[in-house]
Amino acid sequence: MFFRSRVSGRLVPVQAHRRTAHGEAVLLDVRETAEWEAGHAPDALHLPLSRLVAGEALPPIAQGRPVVAVCRSGRRSQQAVEILTGRGVKATDVTGGMVAWSRDGLPVAGPDGDDGVIA
């Protein structure tokens, strides 16, 4: 199942990458700015959880689309999913976050387009 369910709707990194790379959903990185700048998935959008909690809207490109949230390890992304689904957004998250994403060999972009690191 793609979207979060009562049982489990979380995606492993490879599933998340496939679905967001093919445009089925938007990858939303909810880590703080310093973490994002150190390294993030190349096609991800950035909206820190702190701003999402404060009521900030999704970036325009993500509005009306399914969202896959990602953070460092998976905890904040679960919080983001709860907030987003409460707003009526179809959302799920990435099990293991960017740590697992990187460990699985998926791309991580740094500040100048170089390889990034997970902070």
PDB file of N, CA and C in Angstrom:
ATOM      1  N   MET A   1       0.840  -1.179   0.000  1.00  0.00           N
ATOM      2  CA  MET A   1       0.000   0.000   0.000  1.00  0.00           C
ATOM      3  C   MET A   1       0.884   1.241   0.000  1.00  0.00           C
ATOM      4  N   PHE A   2       0.520   2.236  -0.767  1.00  0.00           N
ATOM      5  CA  PHE A   2       1.339   3.432  -0.893  1.00  0.00           C
ATOM      6  C   PHE A   2       1.150   4.391   0.267  1.00  0.00           C
ATOM      7  N   PHE A   3      -0.045   4.642   0.677  1.00  0.00           N
ATOM      8  CA  PHE A   3      -0.277   5.625   1.721  1.00  0.00           C
ATOM      9  C   PHE A   3      -0.395   4.976   3.083  1.00  0.00           C
ATOM     10  N   ARG A   4      -0.135   5.763   4.085  1.00  0.00           N
ATOM     11  CA  ARG A   4      -0.137   5.300   5.466  1.00  0.00           C
ATOM     12  C   ARG A   4      -1.473   4.644   5.808  1.00  0.00           C
ATOM     13  N   SER A   5      -1.393   3.520   6.447  1.00  0.00           N
ATOM     14  CA  SER A   5      -2.593   2.833   6.897  1.00  0.00           C
ATOM     15  C   SER A   5      -2.447   2.534   8.376  1.00  0.00           C
ATOM     16  N   ARG A   6      -3.460   1.985   8.986  1.00  0.00           N
ATOM     17  CA  ARG A   6      -3.369   1.640  10.402  1.00  0.00           C
ATOM     18  C   ARG A   6      -2.323   0.566  10.655  1.00  0.00           C
ATOM     19  N   VAL A   7      -2.117  -0.298   9.693  1.00  0.00           N
ATOM     20  CA  VAL A   7      -1.159  -1.381   9.858  1.00  0.00           C
ATOM     21  C   VAL A   7       0.242  -0.854   9.586  1.00  0.00           C
ATOM     22  N   SER A   8       0.521  -0.486   8.374  1.00  0.00           N
ATOM     23  CA  SER A   8       1.828   0.047   8.014  1.00  0.00           C
ATOM     24  C   SER A   8       1.773   0.536   6.587  1.00  0.00           C
ATOM     25  N   GLY A   9       2.072   1.784   6.410  1.00  0.00           N
ATOM     26  CA  GLY A   9       2.107   2.338   5.067  1.00  0.00           C
ATOM     27  C   GLY A   9       3.449   2.960   4.790  1.00  0.00           C
ATOM     28  N   ARG A  10       4.401   2.739   5.671  1.00  0.00           N
ATOM     29  CA  ARG A  10       5.730   3.321   5.509  1.00  0.00           C
ATOM     30  C   ARG A  10       6.450   2.667   4.338  1.00  0.00           C
ATOM     31  N   LEU A  11       7.313   3.428   3.711  1.00  0.00           N
ATOM     32  CA  LEU A  11       8.066   2.928   2.573  1.00  0.00           C
ATOM     33  C   LEU A  11       9.524   2.734   2.956  1.00  0.00           C
ATOM     34  N   VAL A  12      10.152   1.708   2.405  1.00  0.00           N
ATOM     35  CA  VAL A  12      11.597   1.583   2.528  1.00  0.00           C
ATOM     36  C   VAL A  12      12.192   2.575   1.525  1.00  0.00           C
ATOM     37  N   PRO A  13      13.453   2.983   1.716  1.00  0.00           N
ATOM     38  CA  PRO A  13      14.030   4.009   0.847  1.00  0.00           C
ATOM     39  C   PRO A  13      13.916   3.731  -0.650  1.00  0.00           C
ATOM     40  N   VAL A  14      14.156   2.514  -1.074  1.00  0.00           N
ATOM     41  CA  VAL A  14      14.096   2.207  -2.510  1.00  0.00           C
ATOM     42  C   VAL A  14      12.683   2.440  -3.047  1.00  0.00           C
ATOM     43  N   GLN A  15      11.671   2.065  -2.289  1.00  0.00           N
ATOM     44  CA  GLN A  15      10.282   2.304  -2.717  1.00  0.00           C
ATOM     45  C   GLN A  15      10.011   3.805  -2.806  1.00  0.00           C
ATOM     46  N   ALA A  16      10.447   4.549  -1.801  1.00  0.00           N
ATOM     47  CA  ALA A  16      10.232   5.998  -1.786  1.00  0.00           C
ATOM     48  C   ALA A  16      10.928   6.652  -2.976  1.00  0.00           C
ATOM     49  N   HIS A  17      12.151   6.242  -3.243  1.00  0.00           N
ATOM     50  CA  HIS A  17      12.903   6.800  -4.366  1.00  0.00           C
ATOM     51  C   HIS A  17      12.183   6.517  -5.680  1.00  0.00           C
ATOM     52  N   ARG A  18      11.749   5.302  -5.862  1.00  0.00           N
ATOM     53  CA  ARG A  18      11.063   4.916  -7.098  1.00  0.00           C
ATOM     54  C   ARG A  18       9.790   5.749  -7.289  1.00  0.00           C
ATOM     55  N   ARG A  19       9.009   5.868  -6.251  1.00  0.00           N
ATOM     56  CA  ARG A  19       7.717   6.569  -6.384  1.00  0.00           C
ATOM     57  C   ARG A  19       7.880   8.065  -6.559  1.00  0.00           C
ATOM     58  N   THR A  20       8.855   8.649  -5.903  1.00  0.00           N
ATOM     59  CA  THR A  20       9.046  10.088  -6.066  1.00  0.00           C
ATOM     60  C   THR A  20       9.795  10.402  -7.357  1.00  0.00           C
ATOM     61  N   ALA A  21      10.711   9.551  -7.778  1.00  0.00           N
ATOM     62  CA  ALA A  21      11.438   9.762  -9.032  1.00  0.00           C
ATOM     63  C   ALA A  21      10.512   9.667 -10.242  1.00  0.00           C
ATOM     64  N   HIS A  22       9.473   8.864 -10.131  1.00  0.00           N
ATOM     65  CA  HIS A  22       8.518   8.711 -11.234  1.00  0.00           C
ATOM     66  C   HIS A  22       7.343   9.678 -11.136  1.00  0.00           C
ATOM     67  N   GLY A  23       7.398  10.600 -10.185  1.00  0.00           N
ATOM     68  CA  GLY A  23       6.373  11.636 -10.085  1.00  0.00           C
ATOM     69  C   GLY A  23       5.073  11.212  -9.444  1.00  0.00           C
ATOM     70  N   GLU A  24       5.050  10.025  -8.837  1.00  0.00           N
ATOM     71  CA  GLU A  24       3.831   9.572  -8.173  1.00  0.00           C
ATOM     72  C   GLU A  24       3.567  10.356  -6.890  1.00  0.00           C
ATOM     73  N   ALA A  25       4.625  10.918  -6.319  1.00  0.00           N
ATOM     74  CA  ALA A  25       4.516  11.669  -5.068  1.00  0.00           C
ATOM     75  C   ALA A  25       5.681  12.640  -4.980  1.00  0.00           C
ATOM     76  N   VAL A  26       5.590  13.541  -4.021  1.00  0.00           N
ATOM     77  CA  VAL A  26       6.632  14.519  -3.749  1.00  0.00           C
ATOM     78  C   VAL A  26       7.397  14.063  -2.509  1.00  0.00           C
ATOM     79  N   LEU A  27       8.733  14.095  -2.579  1.00  0.00           N
ATOM     80  CA  LEU A  27       9.563  13.776  -1.423  1.00  0.00           C
ATOM     81  C   LEU A  27       9.776  15.054  -0.633  1.00  0.00           C
ATOM     82  N   LEU A  28       9.364  15.056   0.628  1.00  0.00           N
ATOM     83  CA  LEU A  28       9.442  16.233   1.488  1.00  0.00           C
ATOM     84  C   LEU A  28      10.391  15.952   2.641  1.00  0.00           C
ATOM     85  N   ASP A  29      11.522  16.644   2.665  1.00  0.00           N
ATOM     86  CA  ASP A  29      12.517  16.499   3.720  1.00  0.00           C
ATOM     87  C   ASP A  29      12.140  17.443   4.857  1.00  0.00           C
ATOM     88  N   VAL A  30      11.901  16.880   6.043  1.00  0.00           N
ATOM     89  CA  VAL A  30      11.437  17.679   7.180  1.00  0.00           C
ATOM     90  C   VAL A  30      12.532  17.940   8.206  1.00  0.00           C
ATOM     91  N   ARG A  31      13.788  17.700   7.830  1.00  0.00           N
ATOM     92  CA  ARG A  31      14.901  17.994   8.732  1.00  0.00           C
ATOM     93  C   ARG A  31      15.150  19.502   8.781  1.00  0.00           C
ATOM     94  N   GLU A  32      15.921  19.928   9.764  1.00  0.00           N
ATOM     95  CA  GLU A  32      16.241  21.344   9.898  1.00  0.00           C
ATOM     96  C   GLU A  32      17.246  21.759   8.823  1.00  0.00           C
ATOM     97  N   THR A  33      17.403  23.046   8.630  1.00  0.00           N
ATOM     98  CA  THR A  33      18.176  23.595   7.519  1.00  0.00           C
ATOM     99  C   THR A  33      19.621  23.101   7.481  1.00  0.00           C
ATOM    100  N   ALA A  34      20.325  23.068   8.599  1.00  0.00           N
ATOM    101  CA  ALA A  34      21.723  22.613   8.596  1.00  0.00           C
ATOM    102  C   ALA A  34      21.827  21.160   8.135  1.00  0.00           C
ATOM    103  N   GLU A  35      20.865  20.332   8.539  1.00  0.00           N
ATOM    104  CA  GLU A  35      20.850  18.929   8.112  1.00  0.00           C
ATOM    105  C   GLU A  35      20.614  18.841   6.606  1.00  0.00           C
ATOM    106  N   TRP A  36      19.654  19.605   6.130  1.00  0.00           N
ATOM    107  CA  TRP A  36      19.310  19.647   4.707  1.00  0.00           C
ATOM    108  C   TRP A  36      20.516  20.072   3.876  1.00  0.00           C
ATOM    109  N   GLU A  37      21.195  21.128   4.319  1.00  0.00           N
ATOM    110  CA  GLU A  37      22.322  21.655   3.563  1.00  0.00           C
ATOM    111  C   GLU A  37      23.492  20.682   3.498  1.00  0.00           C
ATOM    112  N   ALA A  38      23.669  19.861   4.531  1.00  0.00           N
ATOM    113  CA  ALA A  38      24.761  18.882   4.540  1.00  0.00           C
ATOM    114  C   ALA A  38      24.548  17.813   3.470  1.00  0.00           C
ATOM    115  N   GLY A  39      23.299  17.424   3.259  1.00  0.00           N
ATOM    116  CA  GLY A  39      22.996  16.413   2.254  1.00  0.00           C
ATOM    117  C   GLY A  39      21.542  16.034   2.261  1.00  0.00           C
ATOM    118  N   HIS A  40      20.968  15.943   1.067  1.00  0.00           N
ATOM    119  CA  HIS A  40      19.549  15.609   0.918  1.00  0.00           C
ATOM    120  C   HIS A  40      19.329  14.869  -0.395  1.00  0.00           C
ATOM    121  N   ALA A  41      18.202  14.250  -0.527  1.00  0.00           N
ATOM    122  CA  ALA A  41      17.852  13.602  -1.788  1.00  0.00           C
ATOM    123  C   ALA A  41      17.732  14.692  -2.859  1.00  0.00           C
ATOM    124  N   PRO A  42      18.321  14.483  -4.028  1.00  0.00           N
ATOM    125  CA  PRO A  42      18.382  15.527  -5.050  1.00  0.00           C
ATOM    126  C   PRO A  42      17.044  16.156  -5.441  1.00  0.00           C
ATOM    127  N   ASP A  43      15.981  15.395  -5.493  1.00  0.00           N
ATOM    128  CA  ASP A  43      14.694  15.938  -5.940  1.00  0.00           C
ATOM    129  C   ASP A  43      13.744  16.298  -4.804  1.00  0.00           C
ATOM    130  N   ALA A  44      14.239  16.258  -3.580  1.00  0.00           N
ATOM    131  CA  ALA A  44      13.374  16.542  -2.428  1.00  0.00           C
ATOM    132  C   ALA A  44      13.074  18.031  -2.309  1.00  0.00           C
ATOM    133  N   LEU A  45      11.931  18.304  -1.692  1.00  0.00           N
ATOM    134  CA  LEU A  45      11.580  19.660  -1.277  1.00  0.00           C
ATOM    135  C   LEU A  45      11.900  19.757   0.206  1.00  0.00           C
ATOM    136  N   HIS A  46      12.129  20.964   0.696  1.00  0.00           N
ATOM    137  CA  HIS A  46      12.508  21.140   2.089  1.00  0.00           C
ATOM    138  C   HIS A  46      11.466  21.964   2.839  1.00  0.00           C
ATOM    139  N   LEU A  47      10.983  21.405   3.937  1.00  0.00           N
ATOM    140  CA  LEU A  47      10.102  22.124   4.866  1.00  0.00           C
ATOM    141  C   LEU A  47      10.342  21.517   6.248  1.00  0.00           C
ATOM    142  N   PRO A  48      11.142  22.196   7.083  1.00  0.00           N
ATOM    143  CA  PRO A  48      11.445  21.640   8.402  1.00  0.00           C
ATOM    144  C   PRO A  48      10.180  21.346   9.214  1.00  0.00           C
ATOM    145  N   LEU A  49      10.247  20.284   9.992  1.00  0.00           N
ATOM    146  CA  LEU A  49       9.121  19.918  10.848  1.00  0.00           C
ATOM    147  C   LEU A  49       8.713  21.073  11.741  1.00  0.00           C
ATOM    148  N   SER A  50       9.662  21.829  12.248  1.00  0.00           N
ATOM    149  CA  SER A  50       9.339  22.956  13.132  1.00  0.00           C
ATOM    150  C   SER A  50       8.410  23.951  12.446  1.00  0.00           C
ATOM    151  N   ARG A  51       8.606  24.186  11.168  1.00  0.00           N
ATOM    152  CA  ARG A  51       7.734  25.104  10.434  1.00  0.00           C
ATOM    153  C   ARG A  51       6.400  24.455  10.098  1.00  0.00           C
ATOM    154  N   LEU A  52       6.417  23.162   9.846  1.00  0.00           N
ATOM    155  CA  LEU A  52       5.176  22.427   9.589  1.00  0.00           C
ATOM    156  C   LEU A  52       4.300  22.440  10.846  1.00  0.00           C
ATOM    157  N   VAL A  53       4.917  22.219  11.991  1.00  0.00           N
ATOM    158  CA  VAL A  53       4.198  22.262  13.278  1.00  0.00           C
ATOM    159  C   VAL A  53       3.603  23.652  13.511  1.00  0.00           C
ATOM    160  N   ALA A  54       4.337  24.686  13.096  1.00  0.00           N
ATOM    161  CA  ALA A  54       3.877  26.068  13.283  1.00  0.00           C
ATOM    162  C   ALA A  54       2.757  26.440  12.311  1.00  0.00           C
ATOM    163  N   GLY A  55       2.390  25.528  11.405  1.00  0.00           N
ATOM    164  CA  GLY A  55       1.264  25.772  10.511  1.00  0.00           C
ATOM    165  C   GLY A  55       1.618  26.163   9.099  1.00  0.00           C
ATOM    166  N   GLU A  56       2.905  26.175   8.765  1.00  0.00           N
ATOM    167  CA  GLU A  56       3.289  26.548   7.408  1.00  0.00           C
ATOM    168  C   GLU A  56       2.719  25.553   6.398  1.00  0.00           C
ATOM    169  N   ALA A  57       2.283  26.093   5.281  1.00  0.00           N
ATOM    170  CA  ALA A  57       1.708  25.270   4.212  1.00  0.00           C
ATOM    171  C   ALA A  57       2.808  24.547   3.439  1.00  0.00           C
ATOM    172  N   LEU A  58       2.421  23.494   2.773  1.00  0.00           N
ATOM    173  CA  LEU A  58       3.343  22.798   1.880  1.00  0.00           C
ATOM    174  C   LEU A  58       3.780  23.747   0.771  1.00  0.00           C
ATOM    175  N   PRO A  59       4.976  23.542   0.220  1.00  0.00           N
ATOM    176  CA  PRO A  59       5.382  24.337  -0.946  1.00  0.00           C
ATOM    177  C   PRO A  59       4.345  24.158  -2.059  1.00  0.00           C
ATOM    178  N   PRO A  60       4.118  25.195  -2.856  1.00  0.00           N
ATOM    179  CA  PRO A  60       3.093  25.117  -3.899  1.00  0.00           C
ATOM    180  C   PRO A  60       3.177  23.877  -4.787  1.00  0.00           C
ATOM    181  N   ILE A  61       4.377  23.457  -5.150  1.00  0.00           N
ATOM    182  CA  ILE A  61       4.541  22.296  -6.031  1.00  0.00           C
ATOM    183  C   ILE A  61       4.042  21.003  -5.382  1.00  0.00           C
ATOM    184  N   ALA A  62       3.965  20.975  -4.050  1.00  0.00           N
ATOM    185  CA  ALA A  62       3.522  19.771  -3.332  1.00  0.00           C
ATOM    186  C   ALA A  62       2.034  19.786  -3.017  1.00  0.00           C
ATOM    187  N   GLN A  63       1.411  20.933  -3.126  1.00  0.00           N
ATOM    188  CA  GLN A  63       0.002  21.036  -2.770  1.00  0.00           C
ATOM    189  C   GLN A  63      -0.866  20.229  -3.726  1.00  0.00           C
ATOM    190  N   GLY A  64      -1.771  19.446  -3.152  1.00  0.00           N
ATOM    191  CA  GLY A  64      -2.672  18.617  -3.940  1.00  0.00           C
ATOM    192  C   GLY A  64      -2.051  17.327  -4.437  1.00  0.00           C
ATOM    193  N   ARG A  65      -0.842  17.033  -4.001  1.00  0.00           N
ATOM    194  CA  ARG A  65      -0.147  15.818  -4.437  1.00  0.00           C
ATOM    195  C   ARG A  65       0.153  14.934  -3.242  1.00  0.00           C
ATOM    196  N   PRO A  66       0.300  13.632  -3.453  1.00  0.00           N
ATOM    197  CA  PRO A  66       0.738  12.747  -2.376  1.00  0.00           C
ATOM    198  C   PRO A  66       2.151  13.134  -1.937  1.00  0.00           C
ATOM    199  N   VAL A  67       2.424  12.950  -0.648  1.00  0.00           N
ATOM    200  CA  VAL A  67       3.711  13.336  -0.073  1.00  0.00           C
ATOM    201  C   VAL A  67       4.363  12.141   0.605  1.00  0.00           C
ATOM    202  N   VAL A  68       5.675  12.011   0.409  1.00  0.00           N
ATOM    203  CA  VAL A  68       6.496  11.056   1.140  1.00  0.00           C
ATOM    204  C   VAL A  68       7.445  11.894   1.983  1.00  0.00           C
ATOM    205  N   ALA A  69       7.284  11.847   3.296  1.00  0.00           N
ATOM    206  CA  ALA A  69       8.126  12.624   4.205  1.00  0.00           C
ATOM    207  C   ALA A  69       9.364  11.826   4.586  1.00  0.00           C
ATOM    208  N   VAL A  70      10.485  12.543   4.755  1.00  0.00           N
ATOM    209  CA  VAL A  70      11.727  11.904   5.165  1.00  0.00           C
ATOM    210  C   VAL A  70      12.448  12.825   6.145  1.00  0.00           C
ATOM    211  N   CYS A  71      13.120  12.224   7.119  1.00  0.00           N
ATOM    212  CA  CYS A  71      13.951  12.964   8.062  1.00  0.00           C
ATOM    213  C   CYS A  71      15.266  12.206   8.198  1.00  0.00           C
ATOM    214  N   ARG A  72      15.950  12.351   9.305  1.00  0.00           N
ATOM    215  CA  ARG A  72      17.230  11.659   9.476  1.00  0.00           C
ATOM    216  C   ARG A  72      17.032  10.166   9.713  1.00  0.00           C
ATOM    217  N   SER A  73      16.145   9.818  10.664  1.00  0.00           N
ATOM    218  CA  SER A  73      16.002   8.404  11.042  1.00  0.00           C
ATOM    219  C   SER A  73      14.582   7.858  10.953  1.00  0.00           C
ATOM    220  N   GLY A  74      13.602   8.716  10.787  1.00  0.00           N
ATOM    221  CA  GLY A  74      12.223   8.261  10.654  1.00  0.00           C
ATOM    222  C   GLY A  74      11.262   8.767  11.709  1.00  0.00           C
ATOM    223  N   ARG A  75      11.762   9.344  12.773  1.00  0.00           N
ATOM    224  CA  ARG A  75      10.876   9.800  13.846  1.00  0.00           C
ATOM    225  C   ARG A  75      10.130  11.097  13.476  1.00  0.00           C
ATOM    226  N   ARG A  76      10.854  12.093  13.037  1.00  0.00           N
ATOM    227  CA  ARG A  76      10.205  13.361  12.669  1.00  0.00           C
ATOM    228  C   ARG A  76       9.294  13.200  11.465  1.00  0.00           C
ATOM    229  N   SER A  77       9.679  12.322  10.545  1.00  0.00           N
ATOM    230  CA  SER A  77       8.827  12.124   9.364  1.00  0.00           C
ATOM    231  C   SER A  77       7.490  11.508   9.762  1.00  0.00           C
ATOM    232  N   GLN A  78       7.479  10.664  10.790  1.00  0.00           N
ATOM    233  CA  GLN A  78       6.211  10.109  11.277  1.00  0.00           C
ATOM    234  C   GLN A  78       5.350  11.227  11.853  1.00  0.00           C
ATOM    235  N   GLN A  79       5.954  12.162  12.564  1.00  0.00           N
ATOM    236  CA  GLN A  79       5.212  13.309  13.094  1.00  0.00           C
ATOM    237  C   GLN A  79       4.660  14.147  11.946  1.00  0.00           C
ATOM    238  N   ALA A  80       5.466  14.340  10.921  1.00  0.00           N
ATOM    239  CA  ALA A  80       5.023  15.108   9.763  1.00  0.00           C
ATOM    240  C   ALA A  80       3.823  14.448   9.093  1.00  0.00           C
ATOM    241  N   VAL A  81       3.857  13.130   8.975  1.00  0.00           N
ATOM    242  CA  VAL A  81       2.743  12.407   8.366  1.00  0.00           C
ATOM    243  C   VAL A  81       1.462  12.620   9.176  1.00  0.00           C
ATOM    244  N   GLU A  82       1.571  12.571  10.481  1.00  0.00           N
ATOM    245  CA  GLU A  82       0.396  12.800  11.329  1.00  0.00           C
ATOM    246  C   GLU A  82      -0.186  14.194  11.073  1.00  0.00           C
ATOM    247  N   ILE A  83       0.680  15.197  11.000  1.00  0.00           N
ATOM    248  CA  ILE A  83       0.221  16.572  10.741  1.00  0.00           C
ATOM    249  C   ILE A  83      -0.407  16.673   9.362  1.00  0.00           C
ATOM    250  N   LEU A  84       0.280  16.132   8.368  1.00  0.00           N
ATOM    251  CA  LEU A  84      -0.208  16.242   6.992  1.00  0.00           C
ATOM    252  C   LEU A  84      -1.519  15.502   6.782  1.00  0.00           C
ATOM    253  N   THR A  85      -1.628  14.282   7.314  1.00  0.00           N
ATOM    254  CA  THR A  85      -2.888  13.551   7.139  1.00  0.00           C
ATOM    255  C   THR A  85      -4.018  14.262   7.877  1.00  0.00           C
ATOM    256  N   GLY A  86      -3.690  14.925   8.981  1.00  0.00           N
ATOM    257  CA  GLY A  86      -4.683  15.727   9.688  1.00  0.00           C
ATOM    258  C   GLY A  86      -5.180  16.899   8.863  1.00  0.00           C
ATOM    259  N   ARG A  87      -4.370  17.315   7.919  1.00  0.00           N
ATOM    260  CA  ARG A  87      -4.736  18.409   6.999  1.00  0.00           C
ATOM    261  C   ARG A  87      -5.366  17.876   5.718  1.00  0.00           C
ATOM    262  N   GLY A  88      -5.538  16.576   5.634  1.00  0.00           N
ATOM    263  CA  GLY A  88      -6.160  15.987   4.451  1.00  0.00           C
ATOM    264  C   GLY A  88      -5.196  15.610   3.347  1.00  0.00           C
ATOM    265  N   VAL A  89      -3.898  15.654   3.627  1.00  0.00           N
ATOM    266  CA  VAL A  89      -2.887  15.300   2.630  1.00  0.00           C
ATOM    267  C   VAL A  89      -2.671  13.789   2.652  1.00  0.00           C
ATOM    268  N   LYS A  90      -2.565  13.180   1.498  1.00  0.00           N
ATOM    269  CA  LYS A  90      -2.208  11.766   1.413  1.00  0.00           C
ATOM    270  C   LYS A  90      -0.704  11.692   1.629  1.00  0.00           C
ATOM    271  N   ALA A  91      -0.292  11.054   2.729  1.00  0.00           N
ATOM    272  CA  ALA A  91       1.122  11.074   3.079  1.00  0.00           C
ATOM    273  C   ALA A  91       1.571   9.765   3.711  1.00  0.00           C
ATOM    274  N   THR A  92       2.836   9.472   3.523  1.00  0.00           N
ATOM    275  CA  THR A  92       3.525   8.370   4.172  1.00  0.00           C
ATOM    276  C   THR A  92       4.941   8.833   4.425  1.00  0.00           C
ATOM    277  N   ASP A  93       5.769   7.958   4.994  1.00  0.00           N
ATOM    278  CA  ASP A  93       7.141   8.356   5.254  1.00  0.00           C
ATOM    279  C   ASP A  93       8.104   7.222   4.950  1.00  0.00           C
ATOM    280  N   VAL A  94       9.394   7.538   5.120  1.00  0.00           N
ATOM    281  CA  VAL A  94      10.464   6.609   4.782  1.00  0.00           C
ATOM    282  C   VAL A  94      11.012   5.955   6.050  1.00  0.00           C
ATOM    283  N   THR A  95      10.914   4.645   6.121  1.00  0.00           N
ATOM    284  CA  THR A  95      11.465   3.889   7.240  1.00  0.00           C
ATOM    285  C   THR A  95      12.984   4.063   7.268  1.00  0.00           C
ATOM    286  N   GLY A  96      13.501   4.475   8.407  1.00  0.00           N
ATOM    287  CA  GLY A  96      14.943   4.642   8.551  1.00  0.00           C
ATOM    288  C   GLY A  96      15.478   5.967   8.048  1.00  0.00           C
ATOM    289  N   GLY A  97      14.629   6.781   7.428  1.00  0.00           N
ATOM    290  CA  GLY A  97      14.998   8.121   7.001  1.00  0.00           C
ATOM    291  C   GLY A  97      16.183   8.194   6.057  1.00  0.00           C
ATOM    292  N   MET A  98      16.865   9.338   6.100  1.00  0.00           N
ATOM    293  CA  MET A  98      17.999   9.575   5.215  1.00  0.00           C
ATOM    294  C   MET A  98      19.202   8.704   5.568  1.00  0.00           C
ATOM    295  N   VAL A  99      19.285   8.238   6.810  1.00  0.00           N
ATOM    296  CA  VAL A  99      20.361   7.310   7.172  1.00  0.00           C
ATOM    297  C   VAL A  99      20.213   6.040   6.339  1.00  0.00           C
ATOM    298  N   ALA A 100      19.009   5.495   6.288  1.00  0.00           N
ATOM    299  CA  ALA A 100      18.755   4.289   5.497  1.00  0.00           C
ATOM    300  C   ALA A 100      18.858   4.588   4.004  1.00  0.00           C
ATOM    301  N   TRP A 101      18.383   5.750   3.593  1.00  0.00           N
ATOM    302  CA  TRP A 101      18.462   6.174   2.180  1.00  0.00           C
ATOM    303  C   TRP A 101      19.915   6.115   1.706  1.00  0.00           C
ATOM    304  N   SER A 102      20.795   6.727   2.461  1.00  0.00           N
ATOM    305  CA  SER A 102      22.213   6.749   2.122  1.00  0.00           C
ATOM    306  C   SER A 102      22.827   5.349   2.187  1.00  0.00           C
ATOM    307  N   ARG A 103      22.504   4.613   3.233  1.00  0.00           N
ATOM    308  CA  ARG A 103      23.027   3.257   3.403  1.00  0.00           C
ATOM    309  C   ARG A 103      22.620   2.357   2.237  1.00  0.00           C
ATOM    310  N   ASP A 104      21.439   2.618   1.657  1.00  0.00           N
ATOM    311  CA  ASP A 104      20.963   1.824   0.521  1.00  0.00           C
ATOM    312  C   ASP A 104      21.558   2.275  -0.817  1.00  0.00           C
ATOM    313  N   GLY A 105      22.475   3.245  -0.752  1.00  0.00           N
ATOM    314  CA  GLY A 105      23.166   3.682  -1.961  1.00  0.00           C
ATOM    315  C   GLY A 105      22.395   4.651  -2.831  1.00  0.00           C
ATOM    316  N   LEU A 106      21.331   5.244  -2.293  1.00  0.00           N
ATOM    317  CA  LEU A 106      20.556   6.210  -3.068  1.00  0.00           C
ATOM    318  C   LEU A 106      21.265   7.561  -3.046  1.00  0.00           C
ATOM    319  N   PRO A 107      21.008   8.406  -4.038  1.00  0.00           N
ATOM    320  CA  PRO A 107      21.765   9.657  -4.161  1.00  0.00           C
ATOM    321  C   PRO A 107      21.514  10.651  -3.025  1.00  0.00           C
ATOM    322  N   VAL A 108      22.597  11.314  -2.620  1.00  0.00           N
ATOM    323  CA  VAL A 108      22.549  12.372  -1.614  1.00  0.00           C
ATOM    324  C   VAL A 108      23.335  13.553  -2.169  1.00  0.00           C
ATOM    325  N   ALA A 109      22.667  14.691  -2.339  1.00  0.00           N
ATOM    326  CA  ALA A 109      23.294  15.883  -2.903  1.00  0.00           C
ATOM    327  C   ALA A 109      23.747  16.815  -1.787  1.00  0.00           C
ATOM    328  N   GLY A 110      24.920  17.403  -1.984  1.00  0.00           N
ATOM    329  CA  GLY A 110      25.463  18.352  -1.033  1.00  0.00           C
ATOM    330  C   GLY A 110      25.227  19.780  -1.482  1.00  0.00           C
ATOM    331  N   PRO A 111      25.869  20.725  -0.790  1.00  0.00           N
ATOM    332  CA  PRO A 111      25.634  22.151  -1.023  1.00  0.00           C
ATOM    333  C   PRO A 111      25.922  22.633  -2.445  1.00  0.00           C
ATOM    334  N   ASP A 112      26.964  22.142  -3.071  1.00  0.00           N
ATOM    335  CA  ASP A 112      27.329  22.619  -4.406  1.00  0.00           C
ATOM    336  C   ASP A 112      27.098  21.577  -5.484  1.00  0.00           C
ATOM    337  N   GLY A 113      26.149  20.682  -5.224  1.00  0.00           N
ATOM    338  CA  GLY A 113      25.881  19.622  -6.179  1.00  0.00           C
ATOM    339  C   GLY A 113      26.824  18.440  -6.027  1.00  0.00           C
ATOM    340  N   ASP A 114      27.765  18.557  -5.094  1.00  0.00           N
ATOM    341  CA  ASP A 114      28.668  17.442  -4.800  1.00  0.00           C
ATOM    342  C   ASP A 114      27.905  16.412  -3.992  1.00  0.00           C
ATOM    343  N   ASP A 115      28.569  15.294  -3.712  1.00  0.00           N
ATOM    344  CA  ASP A 115      27.967  14.302  -2.835  1.00  0.00           C
ATOM    345  C   ASP A 115      27.805  14.899  -1.448  1.00  0.00           C
ATOM    346  N   GLY A 116      26.635  14.692  -0.869  1.00  0.00           N
ATOM    347  CA  GLY A 116      26.365  15.208   0.462  1.00  0.00           C
ATOM    348  C   GLY A 116      26.576  14.140   1.528  1.00  0.00           C
ATOM    349  N   VAL A 117      26.422  14.558   2.758  1.00  0.00           N
ATOM    350  CA  VAL A 117      26.503  13.650   3.898  1.00  0.00           C
ATOM    351  C   VAL A 117      25.235  13.805   4.721  1.00  0.00           C
ATOM    352  N   ILE A 118      24.939  12.769   5.495  1.00  0.00           N
ATOM    353  CA  ILE A 118      23.767  12.833   6.354  1.00  0.00           C
ATOM    354  C   ILE A 118      24.218  13.299   7.727  1.00  0.00           C
ATOM    355  N   ALA A 119      23.750  14.475   8.114  1.00  0.00           N
ATOM    356  CA  ALA A 119      24.134  15.069   9.400  1.00  0.00           C
ATOM    357  C   ALA A 119      23.111  14.755  10.472  1.00  0.00           C
TER     358      ALA A 119
END
